Amino acid sequence: MKNALQDQLFKTGLIKKQKLDETLREKSKQRSGKAPAPESEVQIEARRLKTERVERDRALAAEQNVQAKRKELQLQIRQLIDNHKIKHEGDQAYRFEHAGTIACIWVTLTIRTDLARGALVIAQHEPGYAVLPRVAVKAISERGGVIVLDHGASASPPPKPVAADDAYYQRFAVPDDLIW
């Protein structure tokens, strides 16, 4: 007796005699150990295209992951600044250099002295600037945020005078609280 399932499928018309014979031949070839026919050029090309597509999709997914991570870091920076910023509306102009230009924010006298001491810093926030306490600097810097002004950071020593005139002018110190 043949396979009962094959007979039932054949009688109901779900498979054809030719297809049944073909599958039986393939099974007998596998049992006898004969190697399958070599792949055609079309099959080789299809496999190559499939691998290229997979690699392209993988590269695209990696790029999207990088962009998503960058966007997430920007959102974290914005949230840190929003949570830590100090209202700096005041009556005194505090000027500082950022990106080759002189910027100005209005602060109170206490904020001005805290900025000069290094207790507060100025960070770039959306179109303007935000005054932040020193505790937020490390977290923002780690995420790639821009700290514009930080007097408390360890600065490199001033360069050594080269000319005789420079030595003369080194005697005159410029005060830190110079208002300009």
C-alpha atoms as a PDB file:
ATOM      1  CA  MET A   1       0.000   0.000   0.000  1.00  0.00           C
ATOM      2  CA  LYS A   2       1.279   3.452  -0.877  1.00  0.00           C
ATOM      3  CA  ASN A   3       1.171   6.411   1.399  1.00  0.00           C
ATOM      4  CA  ALA A   4      -2.462   6.866   2.465  1.00  0.00           C
ATOM      5  CA  LEU A   5      -2.228  10.645   2.626  1.00  0.00           C
ATOM      6  CA  GLN A   6      -0.871  10.839  -0.931  1.00  0.00           C
ATOM      7  CA  ASP A   7      -3.724   8.657  -2.163  1.00  0.00           C
ATOM      8  CA  GLN A   8      -6.297  10.832  -0.448  1.00  0.00           C
ATOM      9  CA  LEU A   9      -4.810  14.053  -1.841  1.00  0.00           C
ATOM     10  CA  PHE A  10      -4.671  12.517  -5.329  1.00  0.00           C
ATOM     11  CA  LYS A  11      -8.310  11.363  -5.156  1.00  0.00           C
ATOM     12  CA  THR A  12      -9.575  14.758  -3.997  1.00  0.00           C
ATOM     13  CA  GLY A  13      -7.688  16.480  -6.818  1.00  0.00           C
ATOM     14  CA  LEU A  14      -5.422  18.615  -4.649  1.00  0.00           C
ATOM     15  CA  ILE A  15      -2.281  17.212  -6.267  1.00  0.00           C
ATOM     16  CA  LYS A  16      -1.604  15.956  -9.777  1.00  0.00           C
ATOM     17  CA  LYS A  17      -0.039  12.656 -10.777  1.00  0.00           C
ATOM     18  CA  GLN A  18       2.913  14.412 -12.438  1.00  0.00           C
ATOM     19  CA  LYS A  19       3.736  16.430  -9.295  1.00  0.00           C
ATOM     20  CA  LEU A  20       3.451  13.322  -7.134  1.00  0.00           C
ATOM     21  CA  ASP A  21       5.821  11.365  -9.365  1.00  0.00           C
ATOM     22  CA  GLU A  22       8.306  14.250  -9.368  1.00  0.00           C
ATOM     23  CA  THR A  23       8.422  14.469  -5.573  1.00  0.00           C
ATOM     24  CA  LEU A  24       8.832  10.688  -5.308  1.00  0.00           C
ATOM     25  CA  ARG A  25      11.803  10.817  -7.732  1.00  0.00           C
ATOM     26  CA  GLU A  26      13.439  13.596  -5.719  1.00  0.00           C
ATOM     27  CA  LYS A  27      13.055  11.607  -2.509  1.00  0.00           C
ATOM     28  CA  SER A  28      14.591   8.518  -4.100  1.00  0.00           C
ATOM     29  CA  LYS A  29      17.539  10.611  -5.385  1.00  0.00           C
ATOM     30  CA  GLN A  30      18.114  11.952  -1.901  1.00  0.00           C
ATOM     31  CA  ARG A  31      18.113   8.455  -0.470  1.00  0.00           C
ATOM     32  CA  SER A  32      20.527   7.124  -3.085  1.00  0.00           C
ATOM     33  CA  GLY A  33      22.951  10.003  -2.409  1.00  0.00           C
ATOM     34  CA  LYS A  34      22.976  11.614  -5.831  1.00  0.00           C
ATOM     35  CA  ALA A  35      23.927  15.292  -5.741  1.00  0.00           C
ATOM     36  CA  PRO A  36      21.367  17.838  -6.875  1.00  0.00           C
ATOM     37  CA  ALA A  37      21.863  19.621 -10.153  1.00  0.00           C
ATOM     38  CA  PRO A  38      24.144  22.667 -10.072  1.00  0.00           C
ATOM     39  CA  GLU A  39      22.417  26.002  -9.633  1.00  0.00           C
ATOM     40  CA  SER A  40      21.542  27.948 -12.714  1.00  0.00           C
ATOM     41  CA  GLU A  41      22.749  31.499 -13.381  1.00  0.00           C
ATOM     42  CA  VAL A  42      19.305  32.838 -12.565  1.00  0.00           C
ATOM     43  CA  GLN A  43      19.363  31.219  -9.122  1.00  0.00           C
ATOM     44  CA  ILE A  44      22.883  32.520  -8.443  1.00  0.00           C
ATOM     45  CA  GLU A  45      21.874  36.047  -9.495  1.00  0.00           C
ATOM     46  CA  ALA A  46      18.721  35.875  -7.365  1.00  0.00           C
ATOM     47  CA  ARG A  47      20.750  34.823  -4.310  1.00  0.00           C
ATOM     48  CA  ARG A  48      23.283  37.627  -4.931  1.00  0.00           C
ATOM     49  CA  LEU A  49      20.500  40.215  -5.233  1.00  0.00           C
ATOM     50  CA  LYS A  50      18.920  38.944  -2.055  1.00  0.00           C
ATOM     51  CA  THR A  51      22.174  39.260  -0.102  1.00  0.00           C
ATOM     52  CA  GLU A  52      22.725  42.774  -1.492  1.00  0.00           C
ATOM     53  CA  ARG A  53      19.209  43.753  -0.444  1.00  0.00           C
ATOM     54  CA  VAL A  54      19.782  42.348   3.047  1.00  0.00           C
ATOM     55  CA  GLU A  55      23.069  44.274   3.394  1.00  0.00           C
ATOM     56  CA  ARG A  56      21.460  47.486   2.121  1.00  0.00           C
ATOM     57  CA  ASP A  57      18.561  47.074   4.572  1.00  0.00           C
ATOM     58  CA  ARG A  58      21.009  46.414   7.410  1.00  0.00           C
ATOM     59  CA  ALA A  59      23.004  49.568   6.567  1.00  0.00           C
ATOM     60  CA  LEU A  60      19.814  51.620   6.347  1.00  0.00           C
ATOM     61  CA  ALA A  61      18.633  50.298   9.709  1.00  0.00           C
ATOM     62  CA  ALA A  62      22.001  51.150  11.273  1.00  0.00           C
ATOM     63  CA  GLU A  63      21.809  54.717   9.910  1.00  0.00           C
ATOM     64  CA  GLN A  64      18.257  55.083  11.247  1.00  0.00           C
ATOM     65  CA  ASN A  65      19.434  53.829  14.648  1.00  0.00           C
ATOM     66  CA  VAL A  66      22.226  56.431  14.692  1.00  0.00           C
ATOM     67  CA  GLN A  67      19.759  59.207  13.801  1.00  0.00           C
ATOM     68  CA  ALA A  68      17.299  58.026  16.440  1.00  0.00           C
ATOM     69  CA  LYS A  69      20.052  57.949  19.064  1.00  0.00           C
ATOM     70  CA  ARG A  70      21.189  61.463  18.063  1.00  0.00           C
ATOM     71  CA  LYS A  71      17.615  62.737  18.327  1.00  0.00           C
ATOM     72  CA  GLU A  72      17.217  61.050  21.711  1.00  0.00           C
ATOM     73  CA  LEU A  73      20.396  62.738  22.997  1.00  0.00           C
ATOM     74  CA  GLN A  74      19.139  66.135  21.807  1.00  0.00           C
ATOM     75  CA  LEU A  75      15.860  65.558  23.654  1.00  0.00           C
ATOM     76  CA  GLN A  76      17.758  64.565  26.799  1.00  0.00           C
ATOM     77  CA  ILE A  77      19.873  67.732  26.583  1.00  0.00           C
ATOM     78  CA  ARG A  78      16.772  69.879  26.127  1.00  0.00           C
ATOM     79  CA  GLN A  79      15.091  68.194  29.093  1.00  0.00           C
ATOM     80  CA  LEU A  80      18.172  68.620  31.320  1.00  0.00           C
ATOM     81  CA  ILE A  81      18.407  72.309  30.469  1.00  0.00           C
ATOM     82  CA  ASP A  82      14.678  72.862  30.980  1.00  0.00           C
ATOM     83  CA  ASN A  83      14.826  71.144  34.383  1.00  0.00           C
ATOM     84  CA  HIS A  84      17.921  73.013  35.642  1.00  0.00           C
ATOM     85  CA  LYS A  85      17.738  76.456  34.042  1.00  0.00           C
ATOM     86  CA  ILE A  86      17.642  79.503  36.250  1.00  0.00           C
ATOM     87  CA  LYS A  87      15.503  82.487  35.378  1.00  0.00           C
ATOM     88  CA  HIS A  88      18.053  85.124  34.432  1.00  0.00           C
ATOM     89  CA  GLU A  89      15.953  88.175  33.658  1.00  0.00           C
ATOM     90  CA  GLY A  90      17.706  91.158  35.166  1.00  0.00           C
ATOM     91  CA  ASP A  91      18.809  94.698  34.654  1.00  0.00           C
ATOM     92  CA  GLN A  92      22.486  94.176  33.832  1.00  0.00           C
ATOM     93  CA  ALA A  93      23.825  93.057  30.478  1.00  0.00           C
ATOM     94  CA  TYR A  94      26.269  90.153  30.664  1.00  0.00           C
ATOM     95  CA  ARG A  95      28.309  89.834  27.485  1.00  0.00           C
ATOM     96  CA  PHE A  96      30.339  86.819  26.429  1.00  0.00           C
ATOM     97  CA  GLU A  97      31.896  85.385  23.302  1.00  0.00           C
ATOM     98  CA  HIS A  98      30.255  82.488  21.479  1.00  0.00           C
ATOM     99  CA  ALA A  99      31.114  81.183  18.015  1.00  0.00           C
ATOM    100  CA  GLY A 100      33.160  84.244  17.130  1.00  0.00           C
ATOM    101  CA  THR A 101      30.449  86.754  18.057  1.00  0.00           C
ATOM    102  CA  ILE A 102      29.631  88.640  21.228  1.00  0.00           C
ATOM    103  CA  ALA A 103      26.367  87.534  22.803  1.00  0.00           C
ATOM    104  CA  CYS A 104      24.439  89.237  25.574  1.00  0.00           C
ATOM    105  CA  ILE A 105      21.974  88.106  28.222  1.00  0.00           C
ATOM    106  CA  TRP A 106      20.323  90.188  30.935  1.00  0.00           C
ATOM    107  CA  VAL A 107      21.101  89.053  34.488  1.00  0.00           C
ATOM    108  CA  THR A 108      20.839  90.213  38.078  1.00  0.00           C
ATOM    109  CA  LEU A 109      23.860  91.159  40.158  1.00  0.00           C
ATOM    110  CA  THR A 110      23.863  87.860  42.079  1.00  0.00           C
ATOM    111  CA  ILE A 111      23.765  85.815  38.868  1.00  0.00           C
ATOM    112  CA  ARG A 112      26.598  87.961  37.456  1.00  0.00           C
ATOM    113  CA  THR A 113      28.795  87.256  40.485  1.00  0.00           C
ATOM    114  CA  ASP A 114      27.934  83.537  40.423  1.00  0.00           C
ATOM    115  CA  LEU A 115      28.856  83.396  36.725  1.00  0.00           C
ATOM    116  CA  ALA A 116      32.188  85.099  37.453  1.00  0.00           C
ATOM    117  CA  ARG A 117      32.892  82.706  40.368  1.00  0.00           C
ATOM    118  CA  GLY A 118      32.068  79.663  38.224  1.00  0.00           C
ATOM    119  CA  ALA A 119      29.059  78.537  40.259  1.00  0.00           C
ATOM    120  CA  LEU A 120      26.811  79.054  37.234  1.00  0.00           C
ATOM    121  CA  VAL A 121      27.405  78.376  33.539  1.00  0.00           C
ATOM    122  CA  ILE A 122      25.790  79.465  30.302  1.00  0.00           C
ATOM    123  CA  ALA A 123      24.617  76.798  27.848  1.00  0.00           C
ATOM    124  CA  GLN A 124      23.201  77.101  24.373  1.00  0.00           C
ATOM    125  CA  HIS A 125      19.484  76.359  24.466  1.00  0.00           C
ATOM    126  CA  GLU A 126      17.344  76.412  21.325  1.00  0.00           C
ATOM    127  CA  PRO A 127      17.643  79.905  19.784  1.00  0.00           C
ATOM    128  CA  GLY A 128      19.132  81.529  22.894  1.00  0.00           C
ATOM    129  CA  TYR A 129      21.027  80.737  26.062  1.00  0.00           C
ATOM    130  CA  ALA A 130      20.210  79.342  29.493  1.00  0.00           C
ATOM    131  CA  VAL A 131      21.914  79.909  32.849  1.00  0.00           C
ATOM    132  CA  LEU A 132      22.489  76.611  34.649  1.00  0.00           C
ATOM    133  CA  PRO A 133      24.029  75.493  37.943  1.00  0.00           C
ATOM    134  CA  ARG A 134      27.344  73.663  37.820  1.00  0.00           C
ATOM    135  CA  VAL A 135      25.735  70.274  38.690  1.00  0.00           C
ATOM    136  CA  ALA A 136      24.149  70.014  35.224  1.00  0.00           C
ATOM    137  CA  VAL A 137      27.348  70.671  33.257  1.00  0.00           C
ATOM    138  CA  LYS A 138      28.729  67.134  33.298  1.00  0.00           C
ATOM    139  CA  ALA A 139      25.459  65.503  32.211  1.00  0.00           C
ATOM    140  CA  ILE A 140      24.956  67.992  29.381  1.00  0.00           C
ATOM    141  CA  SER A 141      28.567  67.755  28.165  1.00  0.00           C
ATOM    142  CA  GLU A 142      28.440  63.945  28.107  1.00  0.00           C
ATOM    143  CA  ARG A 143      25.428  64.085  25.797  1.00  0.00           C
ATOM    144  CA  GLY A 144      27.050  66.583  23.432  1.00  0.00           C
ATOM    145  CA  GLY A 145      25.416  69.773  24.663  1.00  0.00           C
ATOM    146  CA  VAL A 146      27.148  73.115  24.117  1.00  0.00           C
ATOM    147  CA  ILE A 147      28.408  74.849  27.248  1.00  0.00           C
ATOM    148  CA  VAL A 148      29.116  78.380  26.068  1.00  0.00           C
ATOM    149  CA  LEU A 149      30.622  79.937  29.189  1.00  0.00           C
ATOM    150  CA  ASP A 150      32.169  78.111  32.134  1.00  0.00           C
ATOM    151  CA  HIS A 151      34.507  80.114  34.352  1.00  0.00           C
ATOM    152  CA  GLY A 152      34.828  77.206  36.784  1.00  0.00           C
ATOM    153  CA  ALA A 153      36.411  74.866  34.228  1.00  0.00           C
ATOM    154  CA  SER A 154      40.106  74.327  34.585  1.00  0.00           C
ATOM    155  CA  ALA A 155      41.582  76.678  32.037  1.00  0.00           C
ATOM    156  CA  SER A 156      45.020  76.307  30.558  1.00  0.00           C
ATOM    157  CA  PRO A 157      47.595  78.772  31.855  1.00  0.00           C
ATOM    158  CA  PRO A 158      48.156  81.882  29.762  1.00  0.00           C
ATOM    159  CA  PRO A 159      50.897  81.555  27.147  1.00  0.00           C
ATOM    160  CA  LYS A 160      54.411  82.718  28.026  1.00  0.00           C
ATOM    161  CA  PRO A 161      55.376  86.167  26.752  1.00  0.00           C
ATOM    162  CA  VAL A 162      57.545  86.084  23.689  1.00  0.00           C
ATOM    163  CA  ALA A 163      58.561  89.634  23.078  1.00  0.00           C
ATOM    164  CA  ALA A 164      59.933  92.294  25.449  1.00  0.00           C
ATOM    165  CA  ASP A 165      56.734  94.319  25.140  1.00  0.00           C
ATOM    166  CA  ASP A 166      54.685  91.334  26.257  1.00  0.00           C
ATOM    167  CA  ALA A 167      56.786  91.051  29.405  1.00  0.00           C
ATOM    168  CA  TYR A 168      56.122  94.715  30.153  1.00  0.00           C
ATOM    169  CA  TYR A 169      52.347  94.352  29.759  1.00  0.00           C
ATOM    170  CA  GLN A 170      52.240  91.210  31.912  1.00  0.00           C
ATOM    171  CA  ARG A 171      52.618  93.473  34.952  1.00  0.00           C
ATOM    172  CA  PHE A 172      49.110  94.871  34.372  1.00  0.00           C
ATOM    173  CA  ALA A 173      46.421  92.352  35.261  1.00  0.00           C
ATOM    174  CA  VAL A 174      42.966  92.589  33.706  1.00  0.00           C
ATOM    175  CA  PRO A 175      40.223  92.129  36.330  1.00  0.00           C
ATOM    176  CA  ASP A 176      37.765  89.239  35.916  1.00  0.00           C
ATOM    177  CA  ASP A 177      34.731  91.383  36.599  1.00  0.00           C
ATOM    178  CA  LEU A 178      35.458  93.857  33.831  1.00  0.00           C
ATOM    179  CA  ILE A 179      32.142  95.076  32.410  1.00  0.00           C
ATOM    180  CA  TRP A 180      32.358  95.819  28.688  1.00  0.00           C
END
